[in-house]
Amino acid sequence: MSHSKPDYRQLAAFLIQPLLDFPEQLTVSSELTLGGKKTWLRVAFATADKGRVFGRGGRTIQAIRIVLECSAQVAEQEVYLEVFE
């Protein structure tokens, strides 16, 4: 069964943007490796929004990573999310 590749950048932005007080500062970039099987996402946003994105004990950012990883599994791929200041 063939799956189309999810738009991980758009999905990450969709999940993170509602948490931000300064959504205009959100940037999401991606890099493909291993012939497109692995995607590295790099997100950056205002420092003031860090607490809201990470959540208590990192629970919110972990939930975002799980959603991204599950969408990648369906497409038989891997996705990793890195946060930059």
C-alpha atoms as a PDB file:
ATOM      1  CA  MET A   1       0.000   0.000   0.000  1.00  0.00           C
ATOM      2  CA  SER A   2       1.483   3.334  -1.065  1.00  0.00           C
ATOM      3  CA  HIS A   3       1.060   6.411   1.099  1.00  0.00           C
ATOM      4  CA  SER A   4       1.594  10.003   0.119  1.00  0.00           C
ATOM      5  CA  LYS A   5       4.180  11.850   2.148  1.00  0.00           C
ATOM      6  CA  PRO A   6       2.684  14.079   4.852  1.00  0.00           C
ATOM      7  CA  ASP A   7       3.639  17.761   4.840  1.00  0.00           C
ATOM      8  CA  TYR A   8       5.513  17.701   8.138  1.00  0.00           C
ATOM      9  CA  ARG A   9       6.359  21.415   8.045  1.00  0.00           C
ATOM     10  CA  GLN A  10       2.708  22.350   7.682  1.00  0.00           C
ATOM     11  CA  LEU A  11       1.636  19.859  10.362  1.00  0.00           C
ATOM     12  CA  ALA A  12       4.236  21.169  12.828  1.00  0.00           C
ATOM     13  CA  ALA A  13       3.152  24.767  12.193  1.00  0.00           C
ATOM     14  CA  PHE A  14      -0.518  23.752  12.595  1.00  0.00           C
ATOM     15  CA  LEU A  15       0.237  22.155  15.982  1.00  0.00           C
ATOM     16  CA  ILE A  16       2.568  24.846  17.352  1.00  0.00           C
ATOM     17  CA  GLN A  17       1.085  28.119  16.067  1.00  0.00           C
ATOM     18  CA  PRO A  18      -2.040  28.143  18.321  1.00  0.00           C
ATOM     19  CA  LEU A  19       0.255  27.978  21.374  1.00  0.00           C
ATOM     20  CA  LEU A  20       2.184  31.118  20.447  1.00  0.00           C
ATOM     21  CA  ASP A  21       1.696  34.703  21.558  1.00  0.00           C
ATOM     22  CA  PHE A  22       3.957  35.728  18.651  1.00  0.00           C
ATOM     23  CA  PRO A  23       2.959  33.345  15.812  1.00  0.00           C
ATOM     24  CA  GLU A  24       4.596  35.560  13.189  1.00  0.00           C
ATOM     25  CA  GLN A  25       8.002  34.582  14.630  1.00  0.00           C
ATOM     26  CA  LEU A  26       7.470  30.851  14.030  1.00  0.00           C
ATOM     27  CA  THR A  27       9.766  29.324  11.427  1.00  0.00           C
ATOM     28  CA  VAL A  28       9.746  25.669  10.413  1.00  0.00           C
ATOM     29  CA  SER A  29      12.426  24.275   8.137  1.00  0.00           C
ATOM     30  CA  SER A  30      12.970  20.715   7.010  1.00  0.00           C
ATOM     31  CA  GLU A  31      15.751  18.566   5.650  1.00  0.00           C
ATOM     32  CA  LEU A  32      15.353  15.148   4.032  1.00  0.00           C
ATOM     33  CA  THR A  33      17.889  12.363   4.515  1.00  0.00           C
ATOM     34  CA  LEU A  34      18.201   8.708   3.526  1.00  0.00           C
ATOM     35  CA  GLY A  35      16.464   9.148   0.204  1.00  0.00           C
ATOM     36  CA  GLY A  36      13.524  10.958   1.743  1.00  0.00           C
ATOM     37  CA  LYS A  37      12.834   8.332   4.437  1.00  0.00           C
ATOM     38  CA  LYS A  38      13.893  10.607   7.316  1.00  0.00           C
ATOM     39  CA  THR A  39      12.845  14.206   7.796  1.00  0.00           C
ATOM     40  CA  TRP A  40      14.475  16.576  10.261  1.00  0.00           C
ATOM     41  CA  LEU A  41      12.255  19.484  11.272  1.00  0.00           C
ATOM     42  CA  ARG A  42      13.755  22.547  12.890  1.00  0.00           C
ATOM     43  CA  VAL A  43      11.402  25.001  14.555  1.00  0.00           C
ATOM     44  CA  ALA A  44      12.152  28.384  16.044  1.00  0.00           C
ATOM     45  CA  PHE A  45       9.856  30.855  17.767  1.00  0.00           C
ATOM     46  CA  ALA A  46       9.958  33.790  20.181  1.00  0.00           C
ATOM     47  CA  THR A  47      11.758  33.050  23.448  1.00  0.00           C
ATOM     48  CA  ALA A  48       8.700  34.369  25.297  1.00  0.00           C
ATOM     49  CA  ASP A  49       6.668  31.458  23.865  1.00  0.00           C
ATOM     50  CA  LYS A  50       9.074  28.721  24.983  1.00  0.00           C
ATOM     51  CA  GLY A  51       7.144  27.797  28.138  1.00  0.00           C
ATOM     52  CA  ARG A  52       3.856  27.459  26.285  1.00  0.00           C
ATOM     53  CA  VAL A  53       5.330  25.258  23.549  1.00  0.00           C
ATOM     54  CA  PHE A  54       7.255  22.991  25.908  1.00  0.00           C
ATOM     55  CA  GLY A  55       4.532  22.807  28.537  1.00  0.00           C
ATOM     56  CA  ARG A  56       4.816  21.463  32.039  1.00  0.00           C
ATOM     57  CA  GLY A  57       7.676  18.988  32.177  1.00  0.00           C
ATOM     58  CA  GLY A  58       7.960  19.070  28.380  1.00  0.00           C
ATOM     59  CA  ARG A  59       4.584  17.362  27.911  1.00  0.00           C
ATOM     60  CA  THR A  60       3.303  19.649  25.147  1.00  0.00           C
ATOM     61  CA  ILE A  61       6.392  19.397  22.923  1.00  0.00           C
ATOM     62  CA  GLN A  62       6.433  15.634  23.510  1.00  0.00           C
ATOM     63  CA  ALA A  63       2.796  15.377  22.380  1.00  0.00           C
ATOM     64  CA  ILE A  64       3.645  17.359  19.227  1.00  0.00           C
ATOM     65  CA  ARG A  65       6.548  14.990  18.531  1.00  0.00           C
ATOM     66  CA  ILE A  66       4.256  11.963  18.979  1.00  0.00           C
ATOM     67  CA  VAL A  67       1.712  13.319  16.471  1.00  0.00           C
ATOM     68  CA  LEU A  68       4.492  13.963  13.943  1.00  0.00           C
ATOM     69  CA  GLU A  69       6.038  10.524  14.511  1.00  0.00           C
ATOM     70  CA  CYS A  70       2.670   8.773  14.121  1.00  0.00           C
ATOM     71  CA  SER A  71       1.970  10.553  10.842  1.00  0.00           C
ATOM     72  CA  ALA A  72       5.423   9.498   9.644  1.00  0.00           C
ATOM     73  CA  GLN A  73       4.877   5.868  10.652  1.00  0.00           C
ATOM     74  CA  VAL A  74       1.735   5.688   8.523  1.00  0.00           C
ATOM     75  CA  ALA A  75       3.825   6.859   5.550  1.00  0.00           C
ATOM     76  CA  GLU A  76       6.629   4.414   6.502  1.00  0.00           C
ATOM     77  CA  GLN A  77       8.997   7.280   7.270  1.00  0.00           C
ATOM     78  CA  GLU A  78      10.675   8.874  10.271  1.00  0.00           C
ATOM     79  CA  VAL A  79      10.493  12.481  11.416  1.00  0.00           C
ATOM     80  CA  TYR A  80      12.502  14.256  14.093  1.00  0.00           C
ATOM     81  CA  LEU A  81      11.721  17.646  15.629  1.00  0.00           C
ATOM     82  CA  GLU A  82      14.419  19.997  16.925  1.00  0.00           C
ATOM     83  CA  VAL A  83      13.714  23.317  18.633  1.00  0.00           C
ATOM     84  CA  PHE A  84      16.065  26.248  18.101  1.00  0.00           C
ATOM     85  CA  GLU A  85      16.162  29.492  20.039  1.00  0.00           C
END
